[in-house]
C-alpha atoms as a PDB file:
ATOM      1  CA  MET A   1     -83.497  69.064 -65.666  1.00  0.00           C
ATOM      2  CA  PHE A   2     -82.611  72.340 -67.412  1.00  0.00           C
ATOM      3  CA  PHE A   3     -85.624  71.936 -69.708  1.00  0.00           C
ATOM      4  CA  LEU A   4     -88.104  71.299 -66.899  1.00  0.00           C
ATOM      5  CA  GLY A   5     -86.638  74.077 -64.781  1.00  0.00           C
ATOM      6  CA  ALA A   6     -86.808  76.609 -67.615  1.00  0.00           C
ATOM      7  CA  LEU A   7     -90.343  75.532 -68.526  1.00  0.00           C
ATOM      8  CA  VAL A   8     -91.551  75.923 -64.936  1.00  0.00           C
ATOM      9  CA  VAL A   9     -89.936  79.363 -64.609  1.00  0.00           C
ATOM     10  CA  PHE A  10     -91.276  80.771 -67.895  1.00  0.00           C
ATOM     11  CA  VAL A  11     -94.775  79.328 -67.454  1.00  0.00           C
ATOM     12  CA  SER A  12     -94.971  80.535 -63.842  1.00  0.00           C
ATOM     13  CA  LEU A  13     -93.909  84.064 -64.795  1.00  0.00           C
ATOM     14  CA  PHE A  14     -96.409  84.205 -67.670  1.00  0.00           C
ATOM     15  CA  ILE A  15     -99.312  82.892 -65.586  1.00  0.00           C
ATOM     16  CA  ALA A  16     -98.480  85.125 -62.598  1.00  0.00           C
ATOM     17  CA  VAL A  17     -98.379  88.307 -64.677  1.00  0.00           C
ATOM     18  CA  ASP A  18    -101.514  87.395 -66.646  1.00  0.00           C
ATOM     19  CA  PHE A  19    -103.364  86.369 -63.472  1.00  0.00           C
ATOM     20  CA  LEU A  20    -102.610  89.644 -61.693  1.00  0.00           C
ATOM     21  CA  THR A  21    -103.664  91.578 -64.798  1.00  0.00           C
ATOM     22  CA  SER A  22    -106.938  89.656 -65.007  1.00  0.00           C
ATOM     23  CA  MET A  23    -107.636  90.218 -61.325  1.00  0.00           C
ATOM     24  CA  ASN A  24    -107.416  93.974 -61.890  1.00  0.00           C
ATOM     25  CA  ARG A  25    -109.432  93.952 -65.129  1.00  0.00           C
ATOM     26  CA  PHE A  26    -112.328  91.689 -64.153  1.00  0.00           C
ATOM     27  CA  ASP A  27    -114.485  91.615 -61.043  1.00  0.00           C
ATOM     28  CA  VAL A  28    -114.722  87.846 -60.673  1.00  0.00           C
ATOM     29  CA  SER A  29    -113.906  85.370 -57.936  1.00  0.00           C
ATOM     30  CA  ALA A  30    -110.555  83.626 -57.726  1.00  0.00           C
ATOM     31  CA  ASP A  31    -112.296  80.265 -58.291  1.00  0.00           C
ATOM     32  CA  ILE A  32    -113.474  81.320 -61.753  1.00  0.00           C
ATOM     33  CA  LEU A  33    -110.015  82.597 -62.691  1.00  0.00           C
ATOM     34  CA  LEU A  34    -108.379  79.408 -61.429  1.00  0.00           C
ATOM     35  CA  ASN A  35    -110.801  77.363 -63.505  1.00  0.00           C
ATOM     36  CA  TYR A  36    -109.977  79.552 -66.521  1.00  0.00           C
ATOM     37  CA  TYR A  37    -106.224  79.054 -66.084  1.00  0.00           C
ATOM     38  CA  ARG A  38    -106.740  75.329 -65.642  1.00  0.00           C
ATOM     39  CA  TYR A  39    -107.709  75.188 -69.315  1.00  0.00           C
ATOM     40  CA  PHE A  40    -105.278  77.934 -70.363  1.00  0.00           C
ATOM     41  CA  LEU A  41    -102.189  76.360 -68.741  1.00  0.00           C
ATOM     42  CA  PRO A  42    -101.520  73.685 -71.421  1.00  0.00           C
ATOM     43  CA  SER A  43    -101.550  76.386 -74.108  1.00  0.00           C
ATOM     44  CA  VAL A  44     -98.998  78.441 -72.158  1.00  0.00           C
ATOM     45  CA  VAL A  45     -96.787  75.363 -71.761  1.00  0.00           C
ATOM     46  CA  TYR A  46     -97.003  74.828 -75.524  1.00  0.00           C
ATOM     47  CA  GLN A  47     -95.997  78.437 -76.202  1.00  0.00           C
ATOM     48  CA  MET A  48     -93.067  78.324 -73.773  1.00  0.00           C
ATOM     49  CA  THR A  49     -91.693  74.960 -74.955  1.00  0.00           C
ATOM     50  CA  PRO A  50     -89.422  76.348 -77.736  1.00  0.00           C
ATOM     51  CA  VAL A  51     -87.760  78.820 -75.363  1.00  0.00           C
ATOM     52  CA  ALA A  52     -87.339  76.152 -72.685  1.00  0.00           C
ATOM     53  CA  CYS A  53     -85.701  73.805 -75.205  1.00  0.00           C
ATOM     54  CA  MET A  54     -83.263  76.489 -76.295  1.00  0.00           C
ATOM     55  CA  VAL A  55     -82.383  77.410 -72.692  1.00  0.00           C
ATOM     56  CA  ALA A  56     -81.849  73.743 -71.833  1.00  0.00           C
ATOM     57  CA  THR A  57     -79.557  73.265 -74.850  1.00  0.00           C
ATOM     58  CA  VAL A  58     -77.438  76.340 -74.096  1.00  0.00           C
ATOM     59  CA  PHE A  59     -77.132  75.571 -70.373  1.00  0.00           C
ATOM     60  CA  THR A  60     -76.336  71.891 -70.964  1.00  0.00           C
ATOM     61  CA  ILE A  61     -73.474  72.565 -73.381  1.00  0.00           C
ATOM     62  CA  SER A  62     -72.271  75.519 -71.282  1.00  0.00           C
ATOM     63  CA  SER A  63     -72.070  73.244 -68.239  1.00  0.00           C
ATOM     64  CA  LEU A  64     -70.033  70.707 -70.185  1.00  0.00           C
ATOM     65  CA  ASN A  65     -67.746  73.502 -71.349  1.00  0.00           C
ATOM     66  CA  ARG A  66     -67.369  74.988 -67.867  1.00  0.00           C
ATOM     67  CA  ASN A  67     -66.423  71.625 -66.357  1.00  0.00           C
ATOM     68  CA  ASN A  68     -63.913  70.949 -69.184  1.00  0.00           C
ATOM     69  CA  GLU A  69     -65.917  67.887 -70.228  1.00  0.00           C
ATOM     70  CA  LEU A  70     -66.150  69.247 -73.765  1.00  0.00           C
ATOM     71  CA  THR A  71     -62.353  69.339 -73.971  1.00  0.00           C
ATOM     72  CA  VAL A  72     -62.189  65.692 -72.972  1.00  0.00           C
ATOM     73  CA  LEU A  73     -64.822  64.720 -75.533  1.00  0.00           C
ATOM     74  CA  PHE A  74     -63.032  66.691 -78.264  1.00  0.00           C
ATOM     75  CA  SER A  75     -59.761  64.952 -77.386  1.00  0.00           C
ATOM     76  CA  CYS A  76     -61.520  61.599 -77.840  1.00  0.00           C
ATOM     77  CA  GLY A  77     -62.246  62.553 -81.430  1.00  0.00           C
ATOM     78  CA  MET A  78     -65.901  63.515 -80.962  1.00  0.00           C
ATOM     79  CA  SER A  79     -67.162  66.529 -82.902  1.00  0.00           C
ATOM     80  CA  LEU A  80     -69.546  69.162 -81.594  1.00  0.00           C
ATOM     81  CA  ALA A  81     -72.204  67.796 -83.943  1.00  0.00           C
ATOM     82  CA  ARG A  82     -71.836  64.310 -82.432  1.00  0.00           C
ATOM     83  CA  ILE A  83     -71.991  65.718 -78.892  1.00  0.00           C
ATOM     84  CA  SER A  84     -75.076  67.766 -79.708  1.00  0.00           C
ATOM     85  CA  LEU A  85     -76.903  64.938 -81.525  1.00  0.00           C
ATOM     86  CA  PRO A  86     -78.568  63.396 -78.400  1.00  0.00           C
ATOM     87  CA  ILE A  87     -79.740  66.854 -77.300  1.00  0.00           C
ATOM     88  CA  LEU A  88     -81.185  67.735 -80.710  1.00  0.00           C
ATOM     89  CA  THR A  89     -82.808  64.300 -80.977  1.00  0.00           C
ATOM     90  CA  LEU A  90     -84.582  64.877 -77.672  1.00  0.00           C
ATOM     91  CA  VAL A  91     -85.642  68.360 -78.781  1.00  0.00           C
ATOM     92  CA  THR A  92     -87.049  66.863 -82.005  1.00  0.00           C
ATOM     93  CA  LEU A  93     -89.103  64.369 -79.995  1.00  0.00           C
ATOM     94  CA  ILE A  94     -90.376  67.174 -77.779  1.00  0.00           C
ATOM     95  CA  SER A  95     -91.300  69.178 -80.901  1.00  0.00           C
ATOM     96  CA  GLY A  96     -93.238  66.235 -82.341  1.00  0.00           C
ATOM     97  CA  PHE A  97     -95.089  65.706 -79.087  1.00  0.00           C
ATOM     98  CA  SER A  98     -95.753  69.453 -78.882  1.00  0.00           C
ATOM     99  CA  TYR A  99     -97.369  69.366 -82.335  1.00  0.00           C
ATOM    100  CA  TRP A 100     -99.534  66.391 -81.355  1.00  0.00           C
ATOM    101  CA  ILE A 101    -100.704  68.213 -78.229  1.00  0.00           C
ATOM    102  CA  SER A 102    -101.544  71.349 -80.218  1.00  0.00           C
ATOM    103  CA  ASP A 103    -103.571  69.349 -82.740  1.00  0.00           C
ATOM    104  CA  ARG A 104    -105.351  66.852 -80.499  1.00  0.00           C
ATOM    105  CA  VAL A 105    -105.641  68.414 -77.046  1.00  0.00           C
ATOM    106  CA  LEU A 106    -105.465  72.213 -77.194  1.00  0.00           C
ATOM    107  CA  PRO A 107    -108.507  72.829 -79.495  1.00  0.00           C
ATOM    108  CA  ASN A 108    -110.910  71.236 -76.997  1.00  0.00           C
ATOM    109  CA  LEU A 109    -109.331  73.077 -74.079  1.00  0.00           C
ATOM    110  CA  ALA A 110    -109.488  76.356 -76.008  1.00  0.00           C
ATOM    111  CA  GLN A 111    -113.248  75.990 -76.441  1.00  0.00           C
ATOM    112  CA  LYS A 112    -113.699  75.404 -72.691  1.00  0.00           C
ATOM    113  CA  LYS A 113    -111.412  78.337 -71.913  1.00  0.00           C
ATOM    114  CA  ASN A 114    -113.388  80.594 -74.261  1.00  0.00           C
ATOM    115  CA  TYR A 115    -116.648  79.557 -72.614  1.00  0.00           C
ATOM    116  CA  ILE A 116    -115.372  80.551 -69.164  1.00  0.00           C
ATOM    117  CA  TYR A 117    -113.901  83.789 -70.514  1.00  0.00           C
ATOM    118  CA  TYR A 118    -117.006  85.045 -72.340  1.00  0.00           C
ATOM    119  CA  VAL A 119    -119.732  83.573 -70.141  1.00  0.00           C
ATOM    120  CA  GLU A 120    -118.310  83.671 -66.600  1.00  0.00           C
ATOM    121  CA  ILE A 121    -115.589  86.343 -66.713  1.00  0.00           C
ATOM    122  CA  LYS A 122    -116.811  88.933 -69.252  1.00  0.00           C
ATOM    123  CA  LYS A 123    -120.436  87.918 -68.597  1.00  0.00           C
ATOM    124  CA  LYS A 124    -121.261  88.221 -72.299  1.00  0.00           C
ATOM    125  CA  PRO A 125    -122.558  84.791 -73.339  1.00  0.00           C
ATOM    126  CA  SER A 126    -123.643  86.192 -76.689  1.00  0.00           C
ATOM    127  CA  LEU A 127    -119.976  86.488 -77.682  1.00  0.00           C
ATOM    128  CA  TYR A 128    -119.218  82.829 -77.058  1.00  0.00           C
ATOM    129  CA  SER A 129    -119.231  80.776 -80.228  1.00  0.00           C
ATOM    130  CA  THR A 130    -118.784  77.094 -80.851  1.00  0.00           C
ATOM    131  CA  VAL A 131    -117.158  76.379 -84.192  1.00  0.00           C
ATOM    132  CA  LYS A 132    -117.745  72.991 -85.800  1.00  0.00           C
ATOM    133  CA  THR A 133    -115.818  72.956 -89.096  1.00  0.00           C
ATOM    134  CA  ASP A 134    -117.617  75.993 -90.528  1.00  0.00           C
ATOM    135  CA  LYS A 135    -120.690  76.983 -88.492  1.00  0.00           C
ATOM    136  CA  ILE A 136    -120.727  79.778 -85.908  1.00  0.00           C
ATOM    137  CA  TRP A 137    -123.680  80.376 -83.577  1.00  0.00           C
ATOM    138  CA  TYR A 138    -124.271  83.519 -81.524  1.00  0.00           C
ATOM    139  CA  ARG A 139    -127.013  84.842 -79.295  1.00  0.00           C
ATOM    140  CA  SER A 140    -127.837  88.533 -78.974  1.00  0.00           C
ATOM    141  CA  ARG A 141    -130.682  89.077 -76.514  1.00  0.00           C
ATOM    142  CA  ASN A 142    -133.765  87.614 -78.237  1.00  0.00           C
ATOM    143  CA  VAL A 143    -131.958  86.943 -81.494  1.00  0.00           C
ATOM    144  CA  LEU A 144    -130.117  83.782 -82.469  1.00  0.00           C
ATOM    145  CA  PHE A 145    -127.991  83.959 -85.575  1.00  0.00           C
ATOM    146  CA  ASN A 146    -125.890  81.484 -87.472  1.00  0.00           C
ATOM    147  CA  ILE A 147    -122.928  82.408 -89.686  1.00  0.00           C
ATOM    148  CA  GLN A 148    -121.558  79.852 -92.114  1.00  0.00           C
ATOM    149  CA  THR A 149    -118.336  81.778 -92.795  1.00  0.00           C
ATOM    150  CA  LEU A 150    -117.032  84.822 -90.925  1.00  0.00           C
ATOM    151  CA  LEU A 151    -114.160  86.891 -92.344  1.00  0.00           C
ATOM    152  CA  ALA A 152    -113.673  89.407 -89.558  1.00  0.00           C
ATOM    153  CA  GLU A 153    -110.694  91.160 -91.157  1.00  0.00           C
ATOM    154  CA  ALA A 154    -112.711  91.930 -94.297  1.00  0.00           C
ATOM    155  CA  LYS A 155    -115.841  92.672 -92.228  1.00  0.00           C
ATOM    156  CA  LYS A 156    -117.839  90.217 -94.288  1.00  0.00           C
ATOM    157  CA  ALA A 157    -119.752  86.988 -93.764  1.00  0.00           C
ATOM    158  CA  GLN A 158    -121.525  84.432 -95.912  1.00  0.00           C
ATOM    159  CA  GLY A 159    -124.560  82.305 -95.255  1.00  0.00           C
ATOM    160  CA  ILE A 160    -126.254  84.106 -92.345  1.00  0.00           C
ATOM    161  CA  SER A 161    -129.560  83.199 -90.686  1.00  0.00           C
ATOM    162  CA  LEU A 162    -131.172  85.367 -87.994  1.00  0.00           C
ATOM    163  CA  TYR A 163    -133.953  83.996 -85.788  1.00  0.00           C
ATOM    164  CA  TYR A 164    -136.006  86.600 -83.879  1.00  0.00           C
ATOM    165  CA  PHE A 165    -138.042  85.613 -80.797  1.00  0.00           C
ATOM    166  CA  ASP A 166    -140.519  87.486 -78.607  1.00  0.00           C
ATOM    167  CA  ASN A 167    -140.220  87.686 -74.801  1.00  0.00           C
ATOM    168  CA  ALA A 168    -141.994  84.329 -74.497  1.00  0.00           C
ATOM    169  CA  TRP A 169    -139.413  82.859 -76.895  1.00  0.00           C
ATOM    170  CA  ARG A 170    -141.891  82.278 -79.698  1.00  0.00           C
ATOM    171  CA  LEU A 171    -140.350  82.510 -83.159  1.00  0.00           C
ATOM    172  CA  ILE A 172    -141.646  85.640 -84.870  1.00  0.00           C
ATOM    173  CA  GLN A 173    -139.250  86.249 -87.758  1.00  0.00           C
ATOM    174  CA  VAL A 174    -136.458  84.595 -89.729  1.00  0.00           C
ATOM    175  CA  ILE A 175    -134.056  86.497 -91.978  1.00  0.00           C
ATOM    176  CA  LYS A 176    -131.654  84.672 -94.276  1.00  0.00           C
ATOM    177  CA  ALA A 177    -129.052  86.139 -96.616  1.00  0.00           C
ATOM    178  CA  GLU A 178    -126.260  84.870 -98.832  1.00  0.00           C
ATOM    179  CA  GLU A 179    -123.863  87.713 -97.982  1.00  0.00           C
ATOM    180  CA  VAL A 180    -123.537  90.337 -95.272  1.00  0.00           C
ATOM    181  CA  SER A 181    -121.277  93.367 -94.804  1.00  0.00           C
ATOM    182  CA  LEU A 182    -120.519  94.070 -91.148  1.00  0.00           C
ATOM    183  CA  ASN A 183    -120.191  97.762 -90.301  1.00  0.00           C
ATOM    184  CA  GLY A 184    -120.206  97.886 -86.523  1.00  0.00           C
ATOM    185  CA  GLN A 185    -123.781  97.408 -85.349  1.00  0.00           C
ATOM    186  CA  GLU A 186    -125.192  98.029 -88.831  1.00  0.00           C
ATOM    187  CA  TRP A 187    -125.266  94.912 -90.957  1.00  0.00           C
ATOM    188  CA  LYS A 188    -126.102  95.101 -94.669  1.00  0.00           C
ATOM    189  CA  LEU A 189    -127.607  91.872 -95.993  1.00  0.00           C
ATOM    190  CA  LYS A 190    -127.687  90.906 -99.674  1.00  0.00           C
ATOM    191  CA  ASN A 191    -129.748  88.351-101.616  1.00  0.00           C
ATOM    192  CA  GLY A 192    -131.989  86.943 -98.941  1.00  0.00           C
ATOM    193  CA  SER A 193    -135.483  86.522 -97.611  1.00  0.00           C
ATOM    194  CA  VAL A 194    -137.624  87.574 -94.636  1.00  0.00           C
ATOM    195  CA  THR A 195    -140.168  85.143 -93.181  1.00  0.00           C
ATOM    196  CA  VAL A 196    -142.673  86.491 -90.652  1.00  0.00           C
ATOM    197  CA  PHE A 197    -144.633  84.196 -88.326  1.00  0.00           C
ATOM    198  CA  ALA A 198    -147.751  86.220 -87.429  1.00  0.00           C
ATOM    199  CA  GLN A 199    -150.208  85.049 -84.794  1.00  0.00           C
ATOM    200  CA  GLU A 200    -153.106  86.227 -86.955  1.00  0.00           C
ATOM    201  CA  THR A 201    -152.408  83.573 -89.607  1.00  0.00           C
ATOM    202  CA  SER A 202    -151.200  80.010 -89.562  1.00  0.00           C
ATOM    203  CA  PHE A 203    -149.153  80.543 -92.712  1.00  0.00           C
ATOM    204  CA  PRO A 204    -145.786  82.330 -92.549  1.00  0.00           C
ATOM    205  CA  LEU A 205    -145.292  85.262 -94.894  1.00  0.00           C
ATOM    206  CA  THR A 206    -142.077  85.341 -96.939  1.00  0.00           C
ATOM    207  CA  LYS A 207    -140.588  88.235 -98.878  1.00  0.00           C
ATOM    208  CA  ILE A 208    -137.446  88.194-101.034  1.00  0.00           C
ATOM    209  CA  PHE A 209    -134.981  91.103-100.902  1.00  0.00           C
ATOM    210  CA  SER A 210    -131.797  92.056-102.737  1.00  0.00           C
ATOM    211  CA  GLU A 211    -130.504  94.346 -99.984  1.00  0.00           C
ATOM    212  CA  LYS A 212    -131.578  94.909 -96.397  1.00  0.00           C
ATOM    213  CA  THR A 213    -130.043  96.655 -93.366  1.00  0.00           C
ATOM    214  CA  VAL A 214    -130.477  95.355 -89.818  1.00  0.00           C
ATOM    215  CA  GLN A 215    -129.253  96.746 -86.485  1.00  0.00           C
ATOM    216  CA  MET A 216    -127.361  94.370 -84.180  1.00  0.00           C
ATOM    217  CA  ASP A 217    -126.081  94.694 -80.637  1.00  0.00           C
ATOM    218  CA  GLU A 218    -122.772  92.967 -81.368  1.00  0.00           C
ATOM    219  CA  ASP A 219    -119.764  94.814 -82.739  1.00  0.00           C
ATOM    220  CA  ILE A 220    -117.503  93.296 -85.383  1.00  0.00           C
ATOM    221  CA  GLY A 221    -114.532  93.684 -83.065  1.00  0.00           C
ATOM    222  CA  ASP A 222    -116.213  91.412 -80.528  1.00  0.00           C
ATOM    223  CA  LEU A 223    -117.165  88.869 -83.167  1.00  0.00           C
ATOM    224  CA  SER A 224    -113.635  88.765 -84.568  1.00  0.00           C
ATOM    225  CA  SER A 225    -112.233  88.022 -81.124  1.00  0.00           C
ATOM    226  CA  THR A 226    -114.325  84.849 -80.924  1.00  0.00           C
ATOM    227  CA  SER A 227    -113.538  83.483 -84.365  1.00  0.00           C
ATOM    228  CA  SER A 228    -109.903  82.364 -84.125  1.00  0.00           C
ATOM    229  CA  SER A 229    -110.059  79.112 -86.062  1.00  0.00           C
ATOM    230  CA  ALA A 230    -106.439  78.208 -85.357  1.00  0.00           C
ATOM    231  CA  ASP A 231    -107.082  77.877 -81.621  1.00  0.00           C
ATOM    232  CA  ILE A 232    -110.223  75.776 -81.665  1.00  0.00           C
ATOM    233  CA  LEU A 233    -109.805  73.663 -84.813  1.00  0.00           C
ATOM    234  CA  SER A 234    -107.482  70.759 -85.500  1.00  0.00           C
ATOM    235  CA  VAL A 235    -105.288  70.682 -88.607  1.00  0.00           C
ATOM    236  CA  ASN A 236    -107.781  68.551 -90.562  1.00  0.00           C
ATOM    237  CA  GLN A 237    -110.734  70.729 -89.570  1.00  0.00           C
ATOM    238  CA  LEU A 238    -108.851  73.893 -90.445  1.00  0.00           C
ATOM    239  CA  ALA A 239    -107.807  72.450 -93.826  1.00  0.00           C
ATOM    240  CA  GLN A 240    -111.448  71.614 -94.616  1.00  0.00           C
ATOM    241  CA  PHE A 241    -112.505  75.078 -93.477  1.00  0.00           C
ATOM    242  CA  ILE A 242    -109.973  76.646 -95.875  1.00  0.00           C
ATOM    243  CA  LYS A 243    -111.030  74.436 -98.777  1.00  0.00           C
ATOM    244  CA  LYS A 244    -114.702  75.315 -98.392  1.00  0.00           C
ATOM    245  CA  ASN A 245    -113.945  79.040 -98.185  1.00  0.00           C
ATOM    246  CA  LYS A 246    -111.705  78.841-101.242  1.00  0.00           C
ATOM    247  CA  ASP A 247    -114.424  77.048-103.174  1.00  0.00           C
ATOM    248  CA  ALA A 248    -116.726  79.923-102.252  1.00  0.00           C
ATOM    249  CA  GLY A 249    -114.222  82.416-103.664  1.00  0.00           C
ATOM    250  CA  LEU A 250    -113.208  83.896-100.298  1.00  0.00           C
ATOM    251  CA  ASP A 251    -109.797  85.130 -99.213  1.00  0.00           C
ATOM    252  CA  THR A 252    -108.300  82.477 -96.909  1.00  0.00           C
ATOM    253  CA  THR A 253    -104.805  83.936 -96.457  1.00  0.00           C
ATOM    254  CA  ARG A 254    -105.086  84.404 -92.713  1.00  0.00           C
ATOM    255  CA  TYR A 255    -106.472  80.920 -92.184  1.00  0.00           C
ATOM    256  CA  GLU A 256    -103.715  79.426 -94.333  1.00  0.00           C
ATOM    257  CA  MET A 257    -101.183  81.247 -92.177  1.00  0.00           C
ATOM    258  CA  ASP A 258    -102.802  79.700 -89.113  1.00  0.00           C
ATOM    259  CA  LEU A 259    -102.548  76.266 -90.700  1.00  0.00           C
ATOM    260  CA  HIS A 260     -98.872  76.501 -91.638  1.00  0.00           C
ATOM    261  CA  THR A 261     -97.832  78.089 -88.349  1.00  0.00           C
ATOM    262  CA  LYS A 262     -99.282  75.095 -86.529  1.00  0.00           C
ATOM    263  CA  PHE A 263     -96.436  73.093 -88.095  1.00  0.00           C
ATOM    264  CA  SER A 264     -93.664  75.694 -88.096  1.00  0.00           C
ATOM    265  CA  PHE A 265     -94.212  76.802 -84.490  1.00  0.00           C
ATOM    266  CA  ALA A 266     -94.051  73.256 -83.170  1.00  0.00           C
ATOM    267  CA  PHE A 267     -90.577  72.806 -84.694  1.00  0.00           C
ATOM    268  CA  SER A 268     -89.267  76.254 -83.792  1.00  0.00           C
ATOM    269  CA  ALA A 269     -87.784  74.622 -80.687  1.00  0.00           C
ATOM    270  CA  LEU A 270     -85.370  72.665 -82.890  1.00  0.00           C
ATOM    271  CA  VAL A 271     -84.009  75.686 -84.788  1.00  0.00           C
ATOM    272  CA  MET A 272     -83.801  77.790 -81.628  1.00  0.00           C
ATOM    273  CA  SER A 273     -81.782  75.048 -79.947  1.00  0.00           C
ATOM    274  CA  LEU A 274     -79.607  74.699 -83.038  1.00  0.00           C
ATOM    275  CA  ILE A 275     -78.769  78.415 -83.155  1.00  0.00           C
ATOM    276  CA  GLY A 276     -78.031  78.348 -79.436  1.00  0.00           C
ATOM    277  CA  ILE A 277     -75.259  75.738 -79.720  1.00  0.00           C
ATOM    278  CA  PRO A 278     -72.509  77.979 -81.206  1.00  0.00           C
ATOM    279  CA  PHE A 279     -73.169  80.692 -78.619  1.00  0.00           C
ATOM    280  CA  SER A 280     -73.012  78.228 -75.714  1.00  0.00           C
ATOM    281  CA  LEU A 281     -69.294  77.655 -76.315  1.00  0.00           C
ATOM    282  CA  VAL A 282     -68.162  80.839 -74.602  1.00  0.00           C
ATOM    283  CA  ARG A 283     -65.114  80.788 -72.369  1.00  0.00           C
ATOM    284  CA  PRO A 284     -65.978  79.280 -68.979  1.00  0.00           C
ATOM    285  CA  ARG A 285     -64.575  82.297 -67.132  1.00  0.00           C
ATOM    286  CA  ALA A 286     -66.235  84.897 -69.367  1.00  0.00           C
ATOM    287  CA  GLY A 287     -69.379  85.331 -67.291  1.00  0.00           C
ATOM    288  CA  GLY A 288     -70.672  81.795 -66.721  1.00  0.00           C
ATOM    289  CA  ARG A 289     -74.395  81.352 -66.371  1.00  0.00           C
ATOM    290  CA  LEU A 290     -75.108  85.057 -66.401  1.00  0.00           C
ATOM    291  CA  LEU A 291     -73.663  85.229 -69.904  1.00  0.00           C
ATOM    292  CA  SER A 292     -75.580  82.083 -70.928  1.00  0.00           C
ATOM    293  CA  THR A 293     -78.800  83.690 -69.692  1.00  0.00           C
ATOM    294  CA  GLY A 294     -78.058  86.830 -71.702  1.00  0.00           C
ATOM    295  CA  ILE A 295     -77.384  84.721 -74.797  1.00  0.00           C
ATOM    296  CA  CYS A 296     -80.745  82.951 -74.385  1.00  0.00           C
ATOM    297  CA  ILE A 297     -82.617  86.227 -74.042  1.00  0.00           C
ATOM    298  CA  GLY A 298     -80.884  87.676 -77.100  1.00  0.00           C
ATOM    299  CA  ILE A 299     -81.536  84.610 -79.265  1.00  0.00           C
ATOM    300  CA  THR A 300     -85.188  84.509 -78.201  1.00  0.00           C
ATOM    301  CA  PHE A 301     -85.717  88.199 -78.979  1.00  0.00           C
ATOM    302  CA  LEU A 302     -84.041  88.041 -82.400  1.00  0.00           C
ATOM    303  CA  TYR A 303     -85.787  84.826 -83.454  1.00  0.00           C
ATOM    304  CA  TRP A 304     -89.292  85.912 -82.444  1.00  0.00           C
ATOM    305  CA  THR A 305     -88.795  89.318 -84.032  1.00  0.00           C
ATOM    306  CA  LEU A 306     -87.964  87.558 -87.311  1.00  0.00           C
ATOM    307  CA  TYR A 307     -90.794  85.025 -86.876  1.00  0.00           C
ATOM    308  CA  ASN A 308     -93.488  87.597 -86.082  1.00  0.00           C
ATOM    309  CA  SER A 309     -92.311  89.871 -88.895  1.00  0.00           C
ATOM    310  CA  PHE A 310     -92.779  87.131 -91.486  1.00  0.00           C
ATOM    311  CA  ILE A 311     -96.144  86.137 -89.998  1.00  0.00           C
ATOM    312  CA  THR A 312     -97.311  89.735 -90.333  1.00  0.00           C
ATOM    313  CA  MET A 313     -96.072  89.931 -93.923  1.00  0.00           C
ATOM    314  CA  GLY A 314     -97.814  86.638 -94.671  1.00  0.00           C
ATOM    315  CA  ASN A 315    -101.115  87.921 -93.289  1.00  0.00           C
ATOM    316  CA  LEU A 316    -100.728  90.988 -95.493  1.00  0.00           C
ATOM    317  CA  SER A 317    -100.075  88.723 -98.524  1.00  0.00           C
ATOM    318  CA  TYR A 318     -96.533  89.969 -99.145  1.00  0.00           C
ATOM    319  CA  PHE A 319     -95.430  86.319 -99.244  1.00  0.00           C
ATOM    320  CA  PRO A 320     -97.325  83.041 -99.679  1.00  0.00           C
ATOM    321  CA  PRO A 321     -98.446  81.651 -96.279  1.00  0.00           C
ATOM    322  CA  ILE A 322     -96.208  78.569 -96.470  1.00  0.00           C
ATOM    323  CA  VAL A 323     -93.185  80.767 -97.210  1.00  0.00           C
ATOM    324  CA  SER A 324     -93.914  83.204 -94.385  1.00  0.00           C
ATOM    325  CA  ALA A 325     -94.425  80.372 -91.913  1.00  0.00           C
ATOM    326  CA  TRP A 326     -91.253  78.453 -92.708  1.00  0.00           C
ATOM    327  CA  VAL A 327     -88.668  81.035 -93.857  1.00  0.00           C
ATOM    328  CA  PRO A 328     -87.753  82.103 -90.275  1.00  0.00           C
ATOM    329  CA  ASN A 329     -86.998  78.485 -89.344  1.00  0.00           C
ATOM    330  CA  ILE A 330     -85.054  77.882 -92.556  1.00  0.00           C
ATOM    331  CA  LEU A 331     -82.989  81.077 -92.238  1.00  0.00           C
ATOM    332  CA  THR A 332     -82.239  80.413 -88.585  1.00  0.00           C
ATOM    333  CA  GLY A 333     -81.219  76.828 -89.352  1.00  0.00           C
ATOM    334  CA  ILE A 334     -78.900  77.945 -92.166  1.00  0.00           C
ATOM    335  CA  LEU A 335     -77.343  80.616 -89.936  1.00  0.00           C
ATOM    336  CA  ALA A 336     -76.756  78.046 -87.196  1.00  0.00           C
ATOM    337  CA  MET A 337     -75.046  75.670 -89.640  1.00  0.00           C
ATOM    338  CA  VAL A 338     -72.784  78.494 -90.894  1.00  0.00           C
ATOM    339  CA  PHE A 339     -71.701  79.332 -87.329  1.00  0.00           C
ATOM    340  CA  LEU A 340     -71.075  75.678 -86.535  1.00  0.00           C
ATOM    341  CA  MET A 341     -68.986  75.118 -89.659  1.00  0.00           C
ATOM    342  CA  ARG A 342     -66.936  78.234 -88.988  1.00  0.00           C
ATOM    343  CA  MET A 343     -66.136  76.958 -85.510  1.00  0.00           C
ATOM    344  CA  GLY A 344     -64.644  73.809 -87.038  1.00  0.00           C
ATOM    345  CA  LYS A 345     -65.513  71.606 -84.062  1.00  0.00           C
END
C-alpha cells in the first residue's frame, strides 16, 4: 500500500507540474496534450519507481517500529536482515519488472510520444525521426535526408543522403556523402557525389566531390533532441547500434552510458531501499512520519546527486561507462551494509 500510494503521489505531482508547464508553452488543445501524456505516463512511472520503493521500505519499517512490532520480532530472535528480506525480495521483483518494461514497452511508446510532440504539439514534423537500429530519416520542406549515424555531441554524421524535390515532388537532385560536419544550418559534406535529374535529358548527371557545403533549415540542436537512442531503442538494438559505430571508428561513449544505465537505473530501487532501512529505525516519538518523510527526501537527493554526477563524468570519459553507471549503486549498497552492521540488529 505504501508503494502504490507513493507512486501515485509522485507520478501525479510530476504530471501535474509538467502538464501546466506545457499548457503555458504550447498553444494546443487539451486533447492533444492528454494523448501525449497517455504515452508519456508509463515512462514517468518507470522513473518514479525507485523513489516509491524506497519510501515504501522506510514507511513500512517505521510503522513496525512505531507499533513496537519490531521489538517483538527482535525478542523472537529475528534479525533486521531477516525482517527486511521479504521487503527487499519484493523490491527486487519490482526492479526486474521495471527493467523488462523499459526494454520491451517504453521504446515503442517513446516513438509515439515523440511523434505527437514534434508533429502535433511543436508542429515541426521535419524534426520527428524514426530510428530503426541505425537509420534516421528527416524531412525539411522539399528535402528528404537520411543519416546512417548521427553524433550530435560531436556535430558529425556519417552516411548521409539528401533527396531534393521540386514543388510537384519530382526528384531533381540527390547528394550523397560519407561524412558531414554539422555547423548549425551550414553542413560541410566530404567524399560524396551529386546526381542531377534534368528534364532536358533522360540520363542523370553525376559529379564526384571531395568537399561540398550545403545550407539546411534544421539546426543541430533540434536534430540532437530527436536522436536519443536510449529512449527509443531496446537493449539489443542499442548494443548493435554501438557495435556498428565502433566498427566505423566513432566515439560511442554516450551511447554506452545509455546502455549501462538501462540496467543500473532499473536496480537503483534496490539500493535506495537498502540505504533507507537503517534510517527508518528512528525512535517512534522522535517525529514519526514527518521525520520518515524528511529521511526519504534526504536519501533521494543524496543518491541522485551521486548518480547524476557519475553519469556526467562517464559522458565526459572520466570513467569507463560501465564504471560510471554502476559505482553509485555499489557505493550506496556498501554504505548501507556498513550502517546495518554497525547497528548490530
